[in-house]
Each structure stands twice: as C-alpha cells, then as structure tokens.
N, C-alpha and C. Protein backbone atom coordinates (compact mmCIF):
# COMPACT_ATOMS: atom_id res chain seq x y z
N UNK A 1 -17.23 -22.66 -19.19
CA UNK A 1 -17.92 -21.45 -18.78
C UNK A 1 -16.93 -20.33 -18.47
N UNK A 2 -15.88 -20.61 -17.73
CA UNK A 2 -14.91 -19.57 -17.36
C UNK A 2 -13.62 -19.69 -18.17
N UNK A 3 -13.70 -20.28 -19.37
CA UNK A 3 -12.50 -20.55 -20.15
C UNK A 3 -11.80 -19.27 -20.63
N UNK A 4 -12.54 -18.30 -21.12
CA UNK A 4 -11.94 -17.11 -21.68
C UNK A 4 -11.98 -15.91 -20.76
N UNK A 5 -12.10 -16.14 -19.47
CA UNK A 5 -12.28 -15.03 -18.52
C UNK A 5 -11.01 -14.21 -18.32
N UNK A 6 -9.85 -14.84 -18.29
CA UNK A 6 -8.62 -14.13 -17.95
C UNK A 6 -7.77 -13.82 -19.18
N UNK A 7 -8.38 -13.31 -20.22
CA UNK A 7 -7.64 -12.89 -21.40
C UNK A 7 -7.00 -11.54 -21.14
N UNK A 8 -5.88 -11.23 -21.80
CA UNK A 8 -5.18 -9.96 -21.55
C UNK A 8 -6.05 -8.72 -21.73
N UNK A 9 -6.94 -8.72 -22.71
CA UNK A 9 -7.79 -7.55 -22.92
C UNK A 9 -8.76 -7.36 -21.76
N UNK A 10 -9.28 -8.45 -21.22
CA UNK A 10 -10.17 -8.36 -20.07
C UNK A 10 -9.44 -7.81 -18.86
N UNK A 11 -8.19 -8.26 -18.66
CA UNK A 11 -7.41 -7.76 -17.53
C UNK A 11 -7.12 -6.26 -17.67
N UNK A 12 -6.86 -5.81 -18.89
CA UNK A 12 -6.63 -4.37 -19.10
C UNK A 12 -7.88 -3.55 -18.80
N UNK A 13 -9.03 -4.05 -19.19
CA UNK A 13 -10.29 -3.34 -18.90
C UNK A 13 -10.53 -3.28 -17.40
N UNK A 14 -10.27 -4.38 -16.70
CA UNK A 14 -10.44 -4.40 -15.24
C UNK A 14 -9.48 -3.42 -14.57
N UNK A 15 -8.22 -3.39 -15.03
CA UNK A 15 -7.23 -2.45 -14.48
C UNK A 15 -7.65 -1.01 -14.74
N UNK A 16 -8.17 -0.72 -15.93
CA UNK A 16 -8.61 0.64 -16.26
C UNK A 16 -9.78 1.06 -15.36
N UNK A 17 -10.72 0.18 -15.15
CA UNK A 17 -11.86 0.50 -14.27
C UNK A 17 -11.39 0.73 -12.84
N UNK A 18 -10.46 -0.10 -12.35
CA UNK A 18 -9.92 0.08 -11.01
C UNK A 18 -9.20 1.42 -10.90
N UNK A 19 -8.48 1.81 -11.95
CA UNK A 19 -7.78 3.10 -11.96
C UNK A 19 -8.77 4.25 -11.89
N UNK A 20 -9.88 4.14 -12.60
CA UNK A 20 -10.90 5.19 -12.55
C UNK A 20 -11.57 5.28 -11.18
N UNK A 21 -11.82 4.14 -10.56
CA UNK A 21 -12.53 4.12 -9.28
C UNK A 21 -11.64 4.60 -8.15
N UNK A 22 -10.41 4.07 -8.06
CA UNK A 22 -9.56 4.35 -6.91
C UNK A 22 -8.58 5.50 -7.13
N UNK A 23 -8.17 5.77 -8.34
CA UNK A 23 -7.17 6.79 -8.61
C UNK A 23 -5.77 6.20 -8.52
N UNK A 24 -4.80 6.87 -9.14
CA UNK A 24 -3.44 6.29 -9.20
C UNK A 24 -2.76 6.15 -7.85
N UNK A 25 -2.90 7.11 -6.95
CA UNK A 25 -2.19 7.02 -5.67
C UNK A 25 -2.78 5.94 -4.78
N UNK A 26 -4.09 5.87 -4.74
CA UNK A 26 -4.74 4.85 -3.91
C UNK A 26 -4.50 3.45 -4.48
N UNK A 27 -4.44 3.35 -5.81
CA UNK A 27 -4.20 2.06 -6.44
C UNK A 27 -2.81 1.54 -6.11
N UNK A 28 -1.80 2.41 -6.05
CA UNK A 28 -0.45 1.97 -5.68
C UNK A 28 -0.40 1.55 -4.22
N UNK A 29 -1.15 2.24 -3.34
CA UNK A 29 -1.21 1.83 -1.93
C UNK A 29 -1.89 0.47 -1.78
N UNK A 30 -2.94 0.24 -2.56
CA UNK A 30 -3.63 -1.05 -2.52
C UNK A 30 -2.71 -2.17 -3.00
N UNK A 31 -1.94 -1.90 -4.04
CA UNK A 31 -1.00 -2.89 -4.54
C UNK A 31 0.08 -3.22 -3.54
N UNK A 32 0.59 -2.19 -2.87
CA UNK A 32 1.62 -2.41 -1.85
C UNK A 32 1.06 -3.22 -0.70
N UNK A 33 -0.13 -2.90 -0.25
CA UNK A 33 -0.75 -3.65 0.83
C UNK A 33 -1.04 -5.09 0.45
N UNK A 34 -1.47 -5.30 -0.80
CA UNK A 34 -1.73 -6.65 -1.28
C UNK A 34 -0.43 -7.46 -1.32
N UNK A 35 0.64 -6.85 -1.79
CA UNK A 35 1.94 -7.53 -1.83
C UNK A 35 2.44 -7.90 -0.44
N UNK A 36 2.29 -7.00 0.52
CA UNK A 36 2.71 -7.30 1.90
C UNK A 36 1.85 -8.40 2.49
N UNK A 37 0.56 -8.40 2.17
CA UNK A 37 -0.33 -9.44 2.67
C UNK A 37 0.04 -10.81 2.13
N UNK A 38 0.36 -10.87 0.83
CA UNK A 38 0.77 -12.14 0.23
C UNK A 38 2.09 -12.62 0.84
N UNK A 39 3.02 -11.69 1.06
CA UNK A 39 4.32 -12.06 1.65
C UNK A 39 4.13 -12.58 3.07
N UNK A 40 3.30 -11.92 3.86
CA UNK A 40 3.04 -12.38 5.22
C UNK A 40 2.35 -13.74 5.23
N UNK A 41 1.44 -13.96 4.27
CA UNK A 41 0.76 -15.25 4.17
C UNK A 41 1.75 -16.35 3.84
N UNK A 42 2.65 -16.09 2.89
CA UNK A 42 3.65 -17.10 2.54
C UNK A 42 4.57 -17.40 3.72
N UNK A 43 4.97 -16.35 4.45
CA UNK A 43 5.81 -16.55 5.63
C UNK A 43 5.08 -17.37 6.69
N UNK A 44 3.79 -17.13 6.88
CA UNK A 44 3.02 -17.88 7.86
C UNK A 44 2.87 -19.34 7.45
N UNK A 45 2.70 -19.58 6.16
CA UNK A 45 2.58 -20.96 5.67
C UNK A 45 3.90 -21.70 5.85
N UNK A 46 5.01 -21.01 5.63
CA UNK A 46 6.34 -21.63 5.75
C UNK A 46 6.90 -21.55 7.16
N UNK A 47 6.10 -21.12 8.13
CA UNK A 47 6.49 -21.01 9.54
C UNK A 47 7.68 -20.09 9.77
N UNK A 48 7.78 -19.03 8.99
CA UNK A 48 8.80 -18.02 9.21
C UNK A 48 8.20 -16.90 10.05
N UNK A 49 9.01 -16.24 10.89
CA UNK A 49 8.45 -15.10 11.64
C UNK A 49 8.11 -13.96 10.70
N UNK A 50 7.03 -13.28 10.99
CA UNK A 50 6.58 -12.17 10.16
C UNK A 50 7.54 -11.00 10.27
N UNK A 51 7.77 -10.32 9.18
CA UNK A 51 8.64 -9.15 9.17
C UNK A 51 7.97 -8.02 9.94
N UNK A 52 8.73 -7.38 10.81
CA UNK A 52 8.22 -6.27 11.59
C UNK A 52 8.25 -5.01 10.74
N UNK A 53 7.16 -4.25 10.70
CA UNK A 53 7.17 -3.00 9.93
C UNK A 53 8.10 -1.97 10.59
N UNK A 54 8.64 -1.10 9.78
CA UNK A 54 9.53 -0.06 10.29
C UNK A 54 8.76 0.89 11.18
N UNK A 55 9.38 1.35 12.29
CA UNK A 55 8.68 2.30 13.15
C UNK A 55 8.44 3.62 12.41
N UNK A 56 7.34 4.30 12.71
CA UNK A 56 7.07 5.56 12.02
C UNK A 56 8.09 6.62 12.38
N UNK A 57 8.42 7.45 11.40
CA UNK A 57 9.39 8.51 11.59
C UNK A 57 8.66 9.75 12.08
N UNK A 58 9.16 10.35 13.18
CA UNK A 58 8.53 11.55 13.71
C UNK A 58 8.97 12.75 12.87
N UNK A 59 8.04 13.62 12.50
CA UNK A 59 8.41 14.79 11.70
C UNK A 59 9.25 15.77 12.52
N UNK A 60 10.17 16.42 11.84
CA UNK A 60 11.04 17.39 12.49
C UNK A 60 10.33 18.73 12.52
N UNK A 61 10.29 19.37 13.70
CA UNK A 61 9.67 20.68 13.84
C UNK A 61 10.68 21.74 13.39
N UNK A 62 10.30 22.59 12.47
CA UNK A 62 11.21 23.59 11.92
C UNK A 62 11.37 24.79 12.84
N UNK A 63 10.39 25.09 13.69
CA UNK A 63 10.47 26.28 14.53
C UNK A 63 11.16 26.04 15.87
N UNK A 64 11.51 24.81 16.19
CA UNK A 64 12.14 24.54 17.49
C UNK A 64 13.65 24.71 17.37
N UNK A 65 14.27 25.10 18.49
CA UNK A 65 15.71 25.29 18.53
C UNK A 65 16.39 23.93 18.64
N UNK A 66 17.56 23.77 18.03
CA UNK A 66 18.26 22.49 18.11
C UNK A 66 18.72 22.21 19.55
N UNK A 67 18.63 20.99 19.95
CA UNK A 67 19.07 20.59 21.29
C UNK A 67 20.35 19.81 21.15
N UNK A 68 21.43 20.36 21.73
CA UNK A 68 22.73 19.68 21.62
C UNK A 68 23.44 19.64 22.94
C-alpha cells in the first residue's frame, strides 16, 4: 500500500507545496528548528547535556553617546 510513497518526484512535489505555503524565509526557519529538535532528541537519548542556545544580542543604539 505505501510502497511507492517516498519516490523522488513525490518528495519534490511536497517540497514545492511547502515552499508555496510557507515561503522561502519561513521554510528555512522551520528547517533550522527541525534540525535543532532532532539534535536535542539525539542528545537526550544518548544522555548528553543539551546545548545551551546563545544569549540574544542587544541592538546598539546609534543615537546614544559612547560610554568610556
């Protein structure tokens, strides 16, 4: 029943539909999040501590005077 489901042409059609629905920028964010989720899952299965995300960078205000 599901023998021919994952053929390359089917995967291309699914990728094209996902690109139309989400758009290129959102699709790259979804891929990045999926990759991090898989990595964290593998680390949890192997009993490794989860990688800490980098702290957010505060934007520099252009109108403020430098403090030195």
